[in-house]
C-alpha atoms as a PDB file:
ATOM      1  CA  MET A   1      17.556  47.956 -15.595  1.00  0.00           C
ATOM      2  CA  LYS A   2      16.130  45.155 -17.913  1.00  0.00           C
ATOM      3  CA  ALA A   3      17.629  42.341 -15.781  1.00  0.00           C
ATOM      4  CA  THR A   4      16.069  43.921 -12.603  1.00  0.00           C
ATOM      5  CA  ILE A   5      12.515  44.052 -14.379  1.00  0.00           C
ATOM      6  CA  LEU A   6      12.953  40.395 -15.592  1.00  0.00           C
ATOM      7  CA  ILE A   7      14.128  39.230 -12.093  1.00  0.00           C
ATOM      8  CA  PHE A   8      11.011  41.118 -10.576  1.00  0.00           C
ATOM      9  CA  LEU A   9       8.682  39.487 -12.898  1.00  0.00           C
ATOM     10  CA  ALA A  10      10.156  36.039 -12.356  1.00  0.00           C
ATOM     11  CA  PHE A  11       9.458  36.459  -8.628  1.00  0.00           C
ATOM     12  CA  LEU A  12       6.002  37.831  -9.350  1.00  0.00           C
ATOM     13  CA  LEU A  13       5.065  35.011 -11.572  1.00  0.00           C
ATOM     14  CA  ALA A  14       6.607  32.354  -9.246  1.00  0.00           C
ATOM     15  CA  GLY A  15       4.332  33.686  -6.476  1.00  0.00           C
ATOM     16  CA  CYS A  16       1.240  33.334  -8.578  1.00  0.00           C
ATOM     17  CA  ALA A  17       2.082  29.782  -9.570  1.00  0.00           C
ATOM     18  CA  ARG A  18      -0.485  27.365  -7.977  1.00  0.00           C
ATOM     19  CA  THR A  19       0.754  24.467  -5.938  1.00  0.00           C
ATOM     20  CA  PRO A  20      -1.234  21.360  -6.756  1.00  0.00           C
ATOM     21  CA  THR A  21      -3.185  20.115  -3.686  1.00  0.00           C
ATOM     22  CA  SER A  22      -3.792  16.679  -2.402  1.00  0.00           C
ATOM     23  CA  ASP A  23      -6.995  17.653  -0.662  1.00  0.00           C
ATOM     24  CA  PHE A  24     -10.427  16.023  -1.459  1.00  0.00           C
ATOM     25  CA  VAL A  25     -12.986  18.569  -2.283  1.00  0.00           C
ATOM     26  CA  GLN A  26     -16.745  17.938  -2.918  1.00  0.00           C
ATOM     27  CA  GLY A  27     -18.959  20.870  -2.694  1.00  0.00           C
ATOM     28  CA  THR A  28     -18.424  22.580   0.660  1.00  0.00           C
ATOM     29  CA  ILE A  29     -16.634  19.523   1.955  1.00  0.00           C
ATOM     30  CA  ARG A  30     -12.807  19.905   2.113  1.00  0.00           C
ATOM     31  CA  ILE A  31     -10.695  17.001   3.630  1.00  0.00           C
ATOM     32  CA  VAL A  32      -6.925  18.092   3.844  1.00  0.00           C
ATOM     33  CA  ALA A  33      -4.476  15.376   3.566  1.00  0.00           C
ATOM     34  CA  PRO A  34      -2.871  13.574   5.347  1.00  0.00           C
ATOM     35  CA  VAL A  35      -5.678  11.749   6.895  1.00  0.00           C
ATOM     36  CA  GLU A  36      -5.396   9.341   9.852  1.00  0.00           C
ATOM     37  CA  LYS A  37      -7.605   7.225  11.914  1.00  0.00           C
ATOM     38  CA  ALA A  38      -9.256   9.237  14.529  1.00  0.00           C
ATOM     39  CA  PRO A  39      -7.923   8.325  18.040  1.00  0.00           C
ATOM     40  CA  GLY A  40     -10.070   6.421  20.555  1.00  0.00           C
ATOM     41  CA  ARG A  41     -12.576   5.431  17.814  1.00  0.00           C
ATOM     42  CA  VAL A  42     -12.747   1.723  16.585  1.00  0.00           C
ATOM     43  CA  PRO A  43     -13.758   1.026  12.929  1.00  0.00           C
ATOM     44  CA  GLY A  44     -16.655  -1.562  12.977  1.00  0.00           C
ATOM     45  CA  VAL A  45     -19.213  -3.428  10.941  1.00  0.00           C
ATOM     46  CA  LEU A  46     -22.827  -2.632  11.506  1.00  0.00           C
ATOM     47  CA  ASP A  47     -25.555  -5.157  12.093  1.00  0.00           C
ATOM     48  CA  ASP A  48     -27.577  -3.787   8.933  1.00  0.00           C
ATOM     49  CA  GLY A  49     -26.041  -6.338   6.695  1.00  0.00           C
ATOM     50  CA  GLY A  50     -22.472  -5.327   6.883  1.00  0.00           C
ATOM     51  CA  THR A  51     -21.854  -1.516   6.509  1.00  0.00           C
ATOM     52  CA  ILE A  52     -18.353  -0.668   7.310  1.00  0.00           C
ATOM     53  CA  VAL A  53     -18.055   2.501   9.396  1.00  0.00           C
ATOM     54  CA  PHE A  54     -14.929   4.236  10.631  1.00  0.00           C
ATOM     55  CA  THR A  55     -13.810   7.849  11.747  1.00  0.00           C
ATOM     56  CA  MET A  56     -10.956   9.806  10.382  1.00  0.00           C
ATOM     57  CA  ARG A  57      -9.329  13.117  11.162  1.00  0.00           C
ATOM     58  CA  ASP A  58      -7.680  15.207   8.577  1.00  0.00           C
ATOM     59  CA  ALA A  59      -4.792  17.554   8.801  1.00  0.00           C
ATOM     60  CA  THR A  60      -6.828  20.408  10.145  1.00  0.00           C
ATOM     61  CA  GLY A  61      -8.198  18.414  12.912  1.00  0.00           C
ATOM     62  CA  LYS A  62     -11.687  18.020  11.560  1.00  0.00           C
ATOM     63  CA  ILE A  63     -13.394  14.573  12.268  1.00  0.00           C
ATOM     64  CA  PHE A  64     -15.334  12.686   9.541  1.00  0.00           C
ATOM     65  CA  ASP A  65     -17.484   9.567   9.884  1.00  0.00           C
ATOM     66  CA  VAL A  66     -17.136   7.312   6.972  1.00  0.00           C
ATOM     67  CA  TYR A  67     -19.566   4.734   5.889  1.00  0.00           C
ATOM     68  CA  VAL A  68     -19.108   1.989   3.280  1.00  0.00           C
ATOM     69  CA  ASP A  69     -22.585   0.972   2.210  1.00  0.00           C
ATOM     70  CA  HIS A  70     -23.434  -2.710   2.472  1.00  0.00           C
ATOM     71  CA  HIS A  71     -26.860  -2.569   4.222  1.00  0.00           C
ATOM     72  CA  LEU A  72     -29.486  -5.095   3.178  1.00  0.00           C
ATOM     73  CA  GLY A  73     -31.490  -4.002   0.175  1.00  0.00           C
ATOM     74  CA  THR A  74     -28.915  -1.204  -0.820  1.00  0.00           C
ATOM     75  CA  LYS A  75     -29.032   0.049  -4.330  1.00  0.00           C
ATOM     76  CA  THR A  76     -25.301   1.370  -3.961  1.00  0.00           C
ATOM     77  CA  PRO A  77     -23.224  -1.485  -2.583  1.00  0.00           C
ATOM     78  CA  GLY A  78     -19.768  -0.328  -1.887  1.00  0.00           C
ATOM     79  CA  ALA A  79     -20.612   3.371  -2.055  1.00  0.00           C
ATOM     80  CA  ILE A  80     -18.901   5.794   0.377  1.00  0.00           C
ATOM     81  CA  TYR A  81     -20.833   8.031   2.400  1.00  0.00           C
ATOM     82  CA  LEU A  82     -19.618  10.821   4.785  1.00  0.00           C
ATOM     83  CA  PHE A  83     -21.252  12.071   8.145  1.00  0.00           C
ATOM     84  CA  ALA A  84     -24.143   9.625   8.560  1.00  0.00           C
ATOM     85  CA  HIS A  85     -25.462   6.167   7.644  1.00  0.00           C
ATOM     86  CA  PRO A  86     -26.531   5.959   3.846  1.00  0.00           C
ATOM     87  CA  THR A  87     -30.149   5.667   4.996  1.00  0.00           C
ATOM     88  CA  GLU A  88     -30.114   8.613   7.280  1.00  0.00           C
ATOM     89  CA  ARG A  89     -30.616  12.265   6.493  1.00  0.00           C
ATOM     90  CA  GLY A  90     -27.389  14.346   6.397  1.00  0.00           C
ATOM     91  CA  SER A  91     -25.401  11.540   4.756  1.00  0.00           C
ATOM     92  CA  VAL A  92     -23.222  12.641   1.773  1.00  0.00           C
ATOM     93  CA  CYS A  93     -22.490  10.229  -1.008  1.00  0.00           C
ATOM     94  CA  VAL A  94     -18.799  10.543  -2.353  1.00  0.00           C
ATOM     95  CA  LYS A  95     -18.992  11.269  -6.017  1.00  0.00           C
ATOM     96  CA  ASN A  96     -15.349  10.839  -6.912  1.00  0.00           C
ATOM     97  CA  GLU A  97     -14.542   7.535  -5.146  1.00  0.00           C
ATOM     98  CA  ALA A  98     -11.308   7.003  -6.751  1.00  0.00           C
ATOM     99  CA  GLU A  99      -9.951  10.412  -5.760  1.00  0.00           C
ATOM    100  CA  PHE A 100     -11.493   9.862  -2.154  1.00  0.00           C
ATOM    101  CA  ARG A 101      -9.712   6.383  -1.808  1.00  0.00           C
ATOM    102  CA  LYS A 102      -6.497   7.878  -3.073  1.00  0.00           C
ATOM    103  CA  ILE A 103      -6.532  10.731  -0.460  1.00  0.00           C
ATOM    104  CA  VAL A 104      -7.795   8.648   2.480  1.00  0.00           C
ATOM    105  CA  ARG A 105      -5.750   5.626   1.326  1.00  0.00           C
ATOM    106  CA  LEU A 106      -8.405   3.144   1.453  1.00  0.00           C
ATOM    107  CA  GLU A 107      -6.834   0.761  -1.043  1.00  0.00           C
END
């Protein structure tokens, strides 16, 4: 009887174990790895001084526009923004760039 209870508890605890995630999470934004270049979209450099823009798709199929800030007069050179150009409303600055670069494989 004790063996049955121990086996039951072992399965119960194994089911409660949390699997580490490799997703990028910031606030309500979740980017699920693996991430790939969105098909049909060409990366580019904008004529604002050199901001790099590319589009990616995560494992759930969500599309994200990514901007690496290099526009003239920027106070955040090299900062990564999601959704919109750093000077536009709706852009979100990535707070943990190291984690984002690891998930997206920007290195």
